[in-house]
C-alpha atoms as a PDB file:
ATOM      1  CA  MET A   1     -46.093  47.210  57.380  1.00  0.00           C
ATOM      2  CA  ARG A   2     -47.139  49.463  54.544  1.00  0.00           C
ATOM      3  CA  LEU A   3     -50.725  49.103  53.268  1.00  0.00           C
ATOM      4  CA  ASP A   4     -51.627  49.078  49.584  1.00  0.00           C
ATOM      5  CA  PRO A   5     -54.346  51.455  48.314  1.00  0.00           C
ATOM      6  CA  GLU A   6     -57.043  48.762  48.270  1.00  0.00           C
ATOM      7  CA  GLU A   7     -56.387  47.846  51.918  1.00  0.00           C
ATOM      8  CA  CYS A   8     -56.328  51.553  52.800  1.00  0.00           C
ATOM      9  CA  ARG A   9     -59.772  51.979  51.223  1.00  0.00           C
ATOM     10  CA  ARG A  10     -61.119  48.916  53.050  1.00  0.00           C
ATOM     11  CA  ARG A  11     -59.892  50.038  56.464  1.00  0.00           C
ATOM     12  CA  LEU A  12     -60.995  53.635  55.995  1.00  0.00           C
ATOM     13  CA  ALA A  13     -64.449  52.530  54.831  1.00  0.00           C
ATOM     14  CA  GLY A  14     -64.833  50.577  58.079  1.00  0.00           C
ATOM     15  CA  ALA A  15     -63.758  53.406  60.377  1.00  0.00           C
ATOM     16  CA  PRO A  16     -66.672  55.170  62.094  1.00  0.00           C
ATOM     17  CA  VAL A  17     -64.932  58.554  62.288  1.00  0.00           C
ATOM     18  CA  ALA A  18     -61.867  60.266  60.835  1.00  0.00           C
ATOM     19  CA  ARG A  19     -60.059  63.596  61.122  1.00  0.00           C
ATOM     20  CA  LEU A  20     -60.143  66.173  58.337  1.00  0.00           C
ATOM     21  CA  ALA A  21     -57.020  68.294  57.966  1.00  0.00           C
ATOM     22  CA  SER A  22     -57.137  71.534  56.002  1.00  0.00           C
ATOM     23  CA  THR A  23     -55.148  74.744  55.744  1.00  0.00           C
ATOM     24  CA  GLY A  24     -56.174  78.116  54.450  1.00  0.00           C
ATOM     25  CA  ALA A  25     -54.146  80.834  52.801  1.00  0.00           C
ATOM     26  CA  ASP A  26     -52.557  81.593  56.197  1.00  0.00           C
ATOM     27  CA  GLY A  27     -50.949  78.126  56.242  1.00  0.00           C
ATOM     28  CA  ARG A  28     -52.304  77.342  59.721  1.00  0.00           C
ATOM     29  CA  PRO A  29     -53.415  73.708  60.065  1.00  0.00           C
ATOM     30  CA  HIS A  30     -56.978  72.965  61.090  1.00  0.00           C
ATOM     31  CA  LEU A  31     -58.041  69.494  62.227  1.00  0.00           C
ATOM     32  CA  VAL A  32     -61.590  68.335  63.030  1.00  0.00           C
ATOM     33  CA  PRO A  33     -63.250  64.958  63.609  1.00  0.00           C
ATOM     34  CA  VAL A  34     -65.793  64.094  60.909  1.00  0.00           C
ATOM     35  CA  THR A  35     -68.238  61.439  59.873  1.00  0.00           C
ATOM     36  CA  PHE A  36     -67.880  60.439  56.241  1.00  0.00           C
ATOM     37  CA  ALA A  37     -68.781  58.038  53.459  1.00  0.00           C
ATOM     38  CA  LEU A  38     -66.501  56.603  50.794  1.00  0.00           C
ATOM     39  CA  ARG A  39     -67.682  56.091  47.211  1.00  0.00           C
ATOM     40  CA  ASP A  40     -64.874  54.733  45.020  1.00  0.00           C
ATOM     41  CA  ASP A  41     -62.107  57.323  45.471  1.00  0.00           C
ATOM     42  CA  VAL A  42     -64.407  60.124  46.638  1.00  0.00           C
ATOM     43  CA  LEU A  43     -64.839  60.940  50.310  1.00  0.00           C
ATOM     44  CA  ILE A  44     -68.067  62.618  51.373  1.00  0.00           C
ATOM     45  CA  ILE A  45     -68.331  64.779  54.482  1.00  0.00           C
ATOM     46  CA  GLY A  46     -71.559  66.524  55.412  1.00  0.00           C
ATOM     47  CA  ILE A  47     -72.142  69.665  57.383  1.00  0.00           C
ATOM     48  CA  ASP A  48     -75.030  68.740  59.622  1.00  0.00           C
ATOM     49  CA  GLN A  49     -77.132  70.721  62.026  1.00  0.00           C
ATOM     50  CA  LYS A  50     -75.463  69.662  65.277  1.00  0.00           C
ATOM     51  CA  PRO A  51     -74.831  72.801  67.340  1.00  0.00           C
ATOM     52  CA  LYS A  52     -71.810  74.764  66.152  1.00  0.00           C
ATOM     53  CA  THR A  53     -70.557  78.152  67.224  1.00  0.00           C
ATOM     54  CA  THR A  54     -70.956  79.478  63.659  1.00  0.00           C
ATOM     55  CA  THR A  55     -72.114  78.395  60.209  1.00  0.00           C
ATOM     56  CA  ASN A  56     -69.018  80.097  58.753  1.00  0.00           C
ATOM     57  CA  LEU A  57     -66.908  77.007  59.451  1.00  0.00           C
ATOM     58  CA  ARG A  58     -63.141  77.201  59.217  1.00  0.00           C
ATOM     59  CA  ARG A  59     -62.968  73.945  57.218  1.00  0.00           C
ATOM     60  CA  LEU A  60     -65.204  75.462  54.514  1.00  0.00           C
ATOM     61  CA  ARG A  61     -63.223  78.705  54.412  1.00  0.00           C
ATOM     62  CA  ASN A  62     -59.977  76.743  54.208  1.00  0.00           C
ATOM     63  CA  ILE A  63     -61.216  74.636  51.291  1.00  0.00           C
ATOM     64  CA  ALA A  64     -62.242  77.819  49.441  1.00  0.00           C
ATOM     65  CA  GLU A  65     -58.701  79.161  49.919  1.00  0.00           C
ATOM     66  CA  ASN A  66     -56.781  75.883  49.510  1.00  0.00           C
ATOM     67  CA  PRO A  67     -58.646  72.779  48.272  1.00  0.00           C
ATOM     68  CA  ARG A  68     -55.818  70.342  49.206  1.00  0.00           C
ATOM     69  CA  VAL A  69     -56.889  68.335  52.261  1.00  0.00           C
ATOM     70  CA  ALA A  70     -56.154  65.067  54.061  1.00  0.00           C
ATOM     71  CA  LEU A  71     -58.359  62.641  55.945  1.00  0.00           C
ATOM     72  CA  LEU A  72     -56.868  60.371  58.623  1.00  0.00           C
ATOM     73  CA  ALA A  73     -58.417  57.366  60.354  1.00  0.00           C
ATOM     74  CA  ASP A  74     -56.675  55.114  62.821  1.00  0.00           C
ATOM     75  CA  HIS A  75     -57.188  52.209  65.153  1.00  0.00           C
ATOM     76  CA  TYR A  76     -55.650  52.026  68.603  1.00  0.00           C
ATOM     77  CA  GLU A  77     -55.878  49.405  71.322  1.00  0.00           C
ATOM     78  CA  PRO A  78     -53.583  48.128  74.067  1.00  0.00           C
ATOM     79  CA  ASP A  79     -52.522  45.199  71.849  1.00  0.00           C
ATOM     80  CA  TRP A  80     -50.087  47.132  69.681  1.00  0.00           C
ATOM     81  CA  THR A  81     -49.976  44.352  67.100  1.00  0.00           C
ATOM     82  CA  ARG A  82     -53.416  45.568  65.967  1.00  0.00           C
ATOM     83  CA  LEU A  83     -52.552  49.252  65.448  1.00  0.00           C
ATOM     84  CA  TRP A  84     -53.112  50.846  62.036  1.00  0.00           C
ATOM     85  CA  TRP A  85     -53.662  54.184  60.327  1.00  0.00           C
ATOM     86  CA  VAL A  86     -54.818  55.282  56.869  1.00  0.00           C
ATOM     87  CA  ARG A  87     -54.453  58.666  55.228  1.00  0.00           C
ATOM     88  CA  ALA A  88     -56.240  59.892  52.093  1.00  0.00           C
ATOM     89  CA  ASP A  89     -54.872  63.022  50.396  1.00  0.00           C
ATOM     90  CA  GLY A  90     -56.969  64.815  47.836  1.00  0.00           C
ATOM     91  CA  THR A  91     -58.698  67.852  46.451  1.00  0.00           C
ATOM     92  CA  ALA A  92     -61.940  69.056  48.019  1.00  0.00           C
ATOM     93  CA  VAL A  93     -64.908  70.904  46.591  1.00  0.00           C
ATOM     94  CA  VAL A  94     -67.993  72.068  48.454  1.00  0.00           C
ATOM     95  CA  GLU A  95     -71.418  71.199  47.021  1.00  0.00           C
ATOM     96  CA  HIS A  96     -74.141  73.545  48.229  1.00  0.00           C
ATOM     97  CA  ASP A  97     -77.010  72.205  46.116  1.00  0.00           C
ATOM     98  CA  GLY A  98     -77.900  70.071  43.119  1.00  0.00           C
ATOM     99  CA  SER A  99     -77.930  66.377  42.330  1.00  0.00           C
ATOM    100  CA  GLY A 100     -74.318  65.863  43.471  1.00  0.00           C
ATOM    101  CA  ARG A 101     -75.193  67.142  46.912  1.00  0.00           C
ATOM    102  CA  GLU A 102     -78.357  65.021  47.104  1.00  0.00           C
ATOM    103  CA  ALA A 103     -76.440  61.852  46.154  1.00  0.00           C
ATOM    104  CA  ALA A 104     -73.829  62.676  48.813  1.00  0.00           C
ATOM    105  CA  VAL A 105     -76.529  63.106  51.478  1.00  0.00           C
ATOM    106  CA  ALA A 106     -77.957  59.709  50.484  1.00  0.00           C
ATOM    107  CA  GLU A 107     -74.528  58.090  50.997  1.00  0.00           C
ATOM    108  CA  LEU A 108     -74.255  59.531  54.520  1.00  0.00           C
ATOM    109  CA  VAL A 109     -77.834  58.571  55.380  1.00  0.00           C
ATOM    110  CA  GLY A 110     -77.072  55.017  54.256  1.00  0.00           C
ATOM    111  CA  ARG A 111     -73.983  54.819  56.467  1.00  0.00           C
ATOM    112  CA  TYR A 112     -75.136  56.510  59.693  1.00  0.00           C
ATOM    113  CA  PRO A 113     -78.520  55.597  61.232  1.00  0.00           C
ATOM    114  CA  GLN A 114     -78.530  58.930  63.102  1.00  0.00           C
ATOM    115  CA  TYR A 115     -78.918  60.743  59.765  1.00  0.00           C
ATOM    116  CA  ARG A 116     -81.998  58.739  58.758  1.00  0.00           C
ATOM    117  CA  ARG A 117     -84.165  60.840  61.059  1.00  0.00           C
ATOM    118  CA  ASP A 118     -82.398  64.116  60.359  1.00  0.00           C
ATOM    119  CA  PRO A 119     -80.194  64.178  57.222  1.00  0.00           C
ATOM    120  CA  PRO A 120     -77.453  66.812  56.922  1.00  0.00           C
ATOM    121  CA  ARG A 121     -78.901  70.094  55.669  1.00  0.00           C
ATOM    122  CA  GLY A 122     -75.636  71.946  55.100  1.00  0.00           C
ATOM    123  CA  PRO A 123     -73.154  71.749  52.261  1.00  0.00           C
ATOM    124  CA  MET A 124     -71.307  68.557  51.355  1.00  0.00           C
ATOM    125  CA  ILE A 125     -67.525  68.361  51.143  1.00  0.00           C
ATOM    126  CA  MET A 126     -66.448  66.074  48.303  1.00  0.00           C
ATOM    127  CA  ILE A 127     -62.802  64.978  48.310  1.00  0.00           C
ATOM    128  CA  THR A 128     -61.329  63.298  45.257  1.00  0.00           C
ATOM    129  CA  VAL A 129     -58.530  61.132  46.648  1.00  0.00           C
ATOM    130  CA  ASP A 130     -55.325  61.075  44.632  1.00  0.00           C
ATOM    131  CA  ARG A 131     -53.047  59.407  47.182  1.00  0.00           C
ATOM    132  CA  TRP A 132     -53.623  56.618  49.695  1.00  0.00           C
ATOM    133  CA  THR A 133     -51.084  55.817  52.410  1.00  0.00           C
ATOM    134  CA  GLY A 134     -51.351  53.553  55.399  1.00  0.00           C
ATOM    135  CA  TRP A 135     -49.542  51.419  57.906  1.00  0.00           C
ATOM    136  CA  ALA A 136     -50.440  48.458  60.089  1.00  0.00           C
ATOM    137  CA  ALA A 137     -48.467  46.784  62.829  1.00  0.00           C
ATOM    138  CA  SER A 138     -49.312  43.370  61.366  1.00  0.00           C
ATOM    139  CA  ALA A 139     -51.111  41.749  58.474  1.00  0.00           C
ATOM    140  CA  ALA A 140     -53.950  40.703  60.781  1.00  0.00           C
ATOM    141  CA  PRO A 141     -57.308  41.952  59.464  1.00  0.00           C
ATOM    142  CA  ALA A 142     -58.617  45.069  61.141  1.00  0.00           C
END
């Protein structure tokens, strides 16, 4: 069954992790798991200090070349009547400093206890969602 935008927001807000899809000028898709916060129709993704092979992350380069992105969260379990997925399409910007970045960090710190001890120090990806889509196998609450 198709989910309305409000139900999409509710389910996405409850998901602990999602996947960020981006493409750069080369058109090659790039997909990474991310932690996130949702404030109204703005998704917040932080670049934290967990070990990475480089600070020149492909997701950041892609957004600079093509700001259109998608975020996907889903729920799977053996009882297929409880399956669902939600997708948020939007336009991303990267905040490197300023009050917008600080407010975004506060949102992530409020959502993930792991960030309370060590908040993200990198840039924040801010996605303004312009399209919500979702599906659920049944109307049962997620």
